[in-house]
Amino acid sequence: MAVTAATVITVNNPLLPIHAKLKTTFEAVPWYDSNTKSVYLQQLNLVKVESEPADIERYISQATPQLMGFLRNYLENQPVYT
């Protein structure tokens, strides 16, 4: 399953303010829990990132592993559909 998310990022930092638009595509394996009648996403992977401006990716790439770990954990434990 592929999921695409559109995000607007604004960081008000006096040294390096960041204003960007991101379009991210993730792939995941849906899992249905028949007991709770809920759908969860497992094995979430970041497939593609498009940014505007284009060079913003290098600024956010340092935080990507931590963010992906948080998202994986969250989506494996919280249903995306009930």
N, C-alpha and C. Protein backbone atom coordinates (compact mmCIF):
# COMPACT_ATOMS: atom_id res chain seq x y z
N MET A 1 0.84 -1.15 0.00
CA MET A 1 0.00 0.00 0.00
C MET A 1 0.89 1.23 0.00
N ALA A 2 0.54 2.22 -0.79
CA ALA A 2 1.29 3.47 -0.83
C ALA A 2 0.42 4.60 -0.32
N VAL A 3 1.02 5.48 0.45
CA VAL A 3 0.33 6.64 1.00
C VAL A 3 1.17 7.87 0.67
N THR A 4 0.52 8.92 0.16
CA THR A 4 1.22 10.16 -0.13
C THR A 4 0.67 11.24 0.79
N ALA A 5 1.58 12.02 1.37
CA ALA A 5 1.19 13.09 2.29
C ALA A 5 1.77 14.41 1.81
N ALA A 6 0.96 15.45 1.88
CA ALA A 6 1.42 16.81 1.56
C ALA A 6 1.53 17.58 2.87
N THR A 7 2.67 18.24 3.08
CA THR A 7 2.95 18.91 4.34
C THR A 7 3.54 20.29 4.08
N VAL A 8 3.16 21.23 4.93
CA VAL A 8 3.78 22.56 4.90
C VAL A 8 4.59 22.69 6.19
N ILE A 9 5.86 23.05 6.06
CA ILE A 9 6.75 23.17 7.21
C ILE A 9 7.17 24.63 7.36
N THR A 10 7.05 25.13 8.59
CA THR A 10 7.53 26.46 8.92
C THR A 10 8.31 26.36 10.22
N VAL A 11 9.59 26.73 10.16
CA VAL A 11 10.44 26.77 11.35
C VAL A 11 10.91 28.21 11.50
N ASN A 12 10.52 28.83 12.60
CA ASN A 12 10.90 30.22 12.85
C ASN A 12 12.18 30.25 13.68
N ASN A 13 13.28 30.14 12.98
CA ASN A 13 14.60 30.18 13.59
C ASN A 13 15.28 31.45 13.09
N PRO A 14 15.75 32.32 13.98
CA PRO A 14 16.34 33.57 13.51
C PRO A 14 17.58 33.38 12.63
N LEU A 15 18.32 32.30 12.82
CA LEU A 15 19.51 32.07 12.01
C LEU A 15 19.20 31.43 10.65
N LEU A 16 18.24 30.52 10.64
CA LEU A 16 17.91 29.82 9.40
C LEU A 16 16.41 29.50 9.37
N PRO A 17 15.58 30.48 9.06
CA PRO A 17 14.14 30.19 8.98
C PRO A 17 13.86 29.25 7.81
N ILE A 18 12.93 28.33 8.02
CA ILE A 18 12.61 27.35 7.00
C ILE A 18 11.11 27.44 6.69
N HIS A 19 10.80 27.58 5.43
CA HIS A 19 9.43 27.54 4.93
C HIS A 19 9.45 26.63 3.71
N ALA A 20 8.72 25.54 3.78
CA ALA A 20 8.80 24.58 2.68
C ALA A 20 7.50 23.80 2.54
N LYS A 21 7.33 23.24 1.38
CA LYS A 21 6.24 22.30 1.10
C LYS A 21 6.89 20.96 0.79
N LEU A 22 6.37 19.91 1.42
CA LEU A 22 6.88 18.56 1.18
C LEU A 22 5.77 17.67 0.65
N LYS A 23 6.13 16.81 -0.26
CA LYS A 23 5.24 15.75 -0.72
C LYS A 23 6.00 14.46 -0.49
N THR A 24 5.54 13.66 0.44
CA THR A 24 6.23 12.42 0.80
C THR A 24 5.38 11.22 0.43
N THR A 25 6.03 10.19 -0.04
CA THR A 25 5.34 8.95 -0.37
C THR A 25 5.92 7.84 0.50
N PHE A 26 5.01 7.11 1.14
CA PHE A 26 5.36 6.01 2.03
C PHE A 26 4.76 4.72 1.48
N GLU A 27 5.42 3.62 1.76
CA GLU A 27 4.86 2.30 1.50
C GLU A 27 4.73 1.58 2.83
N ALA A 28 3.66 0.80 2.96
CA ALA A 28 3.43 0.05 4.19
C ALA A 28 2.61 -1.19 3.87
N VAL A 29 2.65 -2.11 4.80
CA VAL A 29 1.86 -3.33 4.68
C VAL A 29 0.65 -3.19 5.60
N PRO A 30 -0.57 -3.17 5.03
CA PRO A 30 -1.75 -3.06 5.90
C PRO A 30 -1.98 -4.37 6.65
N TRP A 31 -2.45 -4.24 7.86
CA TRP A 31 -2.75 -5.41 8.69
C TRP A 31 -4.10 -5.18 9.35
N TYR A 32 -5.01 -6.16 9.20
CA TYR A 32 -6.35 -6.07 9.76
C TYR A 32 -6.43 -6.88 11.04
N ASP A 33 -6.85 -6.23 12.12
CA ASP A 33 -7.06 -6.91 13.41
C ASP A 33 -8.55 -7.21 13.53
N SER A 34 -8.91 -8.48 13.39
CA SER A 34 -10.33 -8.85 13.41
C SER A 34 -10.97 -8.66 14.79
N ASN A 35 -10.17 -8.66 15.85
CA ASN A 35 -10.73 -8.45 17.19
C ASN A 35 -11.23 -7.02 17.38
N THR A 36 -10.47 -6.06 16.90
CA THR A 36 -10.85 -4.65 17.06
C THR A 36 -11.47 -4.07 15.80
N LYS A 37 -11.47 -4.87 14.72
CA LYS A 37 -11.98 -4.43 13.41
C LYS A 37 -11.28 -3.15 12.97
N SER A 38 -9.95 -3.18 13.07
CA SER A 38 -9.14 -2.01 12.75
C SER A 38 -8.03 -2.38 11.77
N VAL A 39 -7.61 -1.39 10.99
CA VAL A 39 -6.51 -1.55 10.06
C VAL A 39 -5.31 -0.77 10.58
N TYR A 40 -4.17 -1.44 10.61
CA TYR A 40 -2.91 -0.84 11.03
C TYR A 40 -1.93 -0.89 9.86
N LEU A 41 -0.91 -0.04 9.89
CA LEU A 41 0.14 -0.06 8.88
C LEU A 41 1.43 -0.56 9.51
N GLN A 42 2.03 -1.56 8.88
CA GLN A 42 3.28 -2.12 9.37
C GLN A 42 4.35 -1.95 8.30
N GLN A 43 5.61 -2.03 8.71
CA GLN A 43 6.77 -1.95 7.82
C GLN A 43 6.75 -0.66 6.98
N LEU A 44 6.45 0.44 7.63
CA LEU A 44 6.40 1.73 6.96
C LEU A 44 7.78 2.14 6.47
N ASN A 45 7.87 2.50 5.19
CA ASN A 45 9.14 2.95 4.59
C ASN A 45 8.90 4.22 3.79
N LEU A 46 9.83 5.13 3.89
CA LEU A 46 9.80 6.35 3.11
C LEU A 46 10.35 6.04 1.72
N VAL A 47 9.55 6.28 0.69
CA VAL A 47 9.93 5.93 -0.67
C VAL A 47 10.44 7.15 -1.44
N LYS A 48 9.77 8.28 -1.27
CA LYS A 48 10.10 9.43 -2.09
C LYS A 48 9.78 10.72 -1.34
N VAL A 49 10.64 11.73 -1.51
CA VAL A 49 10.41 13.06 -0.94
C VAL A 49 10.61 14.08 -2.04
N GLU A 50 9.60 14.93 -2.24
CA GLU A 50 9.72 16.06 -3.15
C GLU A 50 9.54 17.31 -2.31
N SER A 51 10.41 18.30 -2.51
CA SER A 51 10.31 19.50 -1.69
C SER A 51 10.35 20.76 -2.55
N GLU A 52 9.77 21.78 -2.00
CA GLU A 52 9.79 23.10 -2.62
C GLU A 52 10.10 24.11 -1.54
N PRO A 53 11.25 24.70 -1.51
CA PRO A 53 12.34 24.65 -2.49
C PRO A 53 13.06 23.30 -2.45
N ALA A 54 13.70 22.97 -3.55
CA ALA A 54 14.30 21.65 -3.72
C ALA A 54 15.43 21.36 -2.74
N ASP A 55 16.17 22.37 -2.30
CA ASP A 55 17.33 22.12 -1.43
C ASP A 55 16.95 21.91 0.04
N ILE A 56 15.68 21.98 0.37
CA ILE A 56 15.25 21.82 1.77
C ILE A 56 15.47 20.39 2.27
N GLU A 57 15.52 19.43 1.35
CA GLU A 57 15.70 18.03 1.74
C GLU A 57 16.98 17.81 2.52
N ARG A 58 18.04 18.53 2.18
CA ARG A 58 19.31 18.33 2.91
C ARG A 58 19.21 18.82 4.35
N TYR A 59 18.34 19.81 4.62
CA TYR A 59 18.18 20.31 5.98
C TYR A 59 17.36 19.35 6.85
N ILE A 60 16.38 18.69 6.25
CA ILE A 60 15.54 17.80 7.04
C ILE A 60 16.03 16.36 7.05
N SER A 61 17.00 16.04 6.19
CA SER A 61 17.46 14.65 6.10
C SER A 61 18.08 14.15 7.41
N GLN A 62 18.63 15.04 8.21
CA GLN A 62 19.22 14.63 9.49
C GLN A 62 18.17 14.13 10.47
N ALA A 63 16.96 14.67 10.40
CA ALA A 63 15.90 14.28 11.32
C ALA A 63 15.04 13.13 10.78
N THR A 64 15.25 12.75 9.53
CA THR A 64 14.40 11.73 8.90
C THR A 64 14.43 10.38 9.63
N PRO A 65 15.57 9.83 10.03
CA PRO A 65 15.55 8.53 10.72
C PRO A 65 14.74 8.56 12.02
N GLN A 66 14.86 9.62 12.80
CA GLN A 66 14.11 9.71 14.05
C GLN A 66 12.61 9.85 13.77
N LEU A 67 12.26 10.65 12.79
CA LEU A 67 10.86 10.84 12.43
C LEU A 67 10.24 9.54 11.92
N MET A 68 10.97 8.81 11.08
CA MET A 68 10.46 7.54 10.57
C MET A 68 10.29 6.52 11.68
N GLY A 69 11.19 6.50 12.65
CA GLY A 69 11.03 5.60 13.79
C GLY A 69 9.78 5.91 14.58
N PHE A 70 9.53 7.20 14.80
CA PHE A 70 8.32 7.62 15.50
C PHE A 70 7.07 7.23 14.72
N LEU A 71 7.05 7.51 13.41
CA LEU A 71 5.88 7.18 12.59
C LEU A 71 5.63 5.68 12.53
N ARG A 72 6.69 4.88 12.36
CA ARG A 72 6.52 3.42 12.34
C ARG A 72 5.89 2.92 13.63
N ASN A 73 6.42 3.36 14.74
CA ASN A 73 5.90 2.93 16.04
C ASN A 73 4.45 3.36 16.22
N TYR A 74 4.15 4.59 15.86
CA TYR A 74 2.80 5.10 16.02
C TYR A 74 1.79 4.34 15.17
N LEU A 75 2.11 4.15 13.87
CA LEU A 75 1.16 3.53 12.97
C LEU A 75 1.03 2.02 13.18
N GLU A 76 2.00 1.39 13.82
CA GLU A 76 1.86 -0.03 14.15
C GLU A 76 0.99 -0.23 15.38
N ASN A 77 0.79 0.84 16.16
CA ASN A 77 0.02 0.73 17.40
C ASN A 77 -1.29 1.51 17.41
N GLN A 78 -1.48 2.38 16.44
CA GLN A 78 -2.71 3.16 16.31
C GLN A 78 -3.37 2.84 14.98
N PRO A 79 -4.65 2.50 14.98
CA PRO A 79 -5.30 2.16 13.72
C PRO A 79 -5.43 3.37 12.79
N VAL A 80 -5.32 3.12 11.49
CA VAL A 80 -5.56 4.17 10.52
C VAL A 80 -7.02 4.13 10.05
N TYR A 81 -7.70 3.04 10.38
CA TYR A 81 -9.12 2.90 10.04
C TYR A 81 -9.75 1.91 11.00
N THR A 82 -10.93 2.26 11.48
CA THR A 82 -11.68 1.36 12.36
C THR A 82 -13.07 1.15 11.79
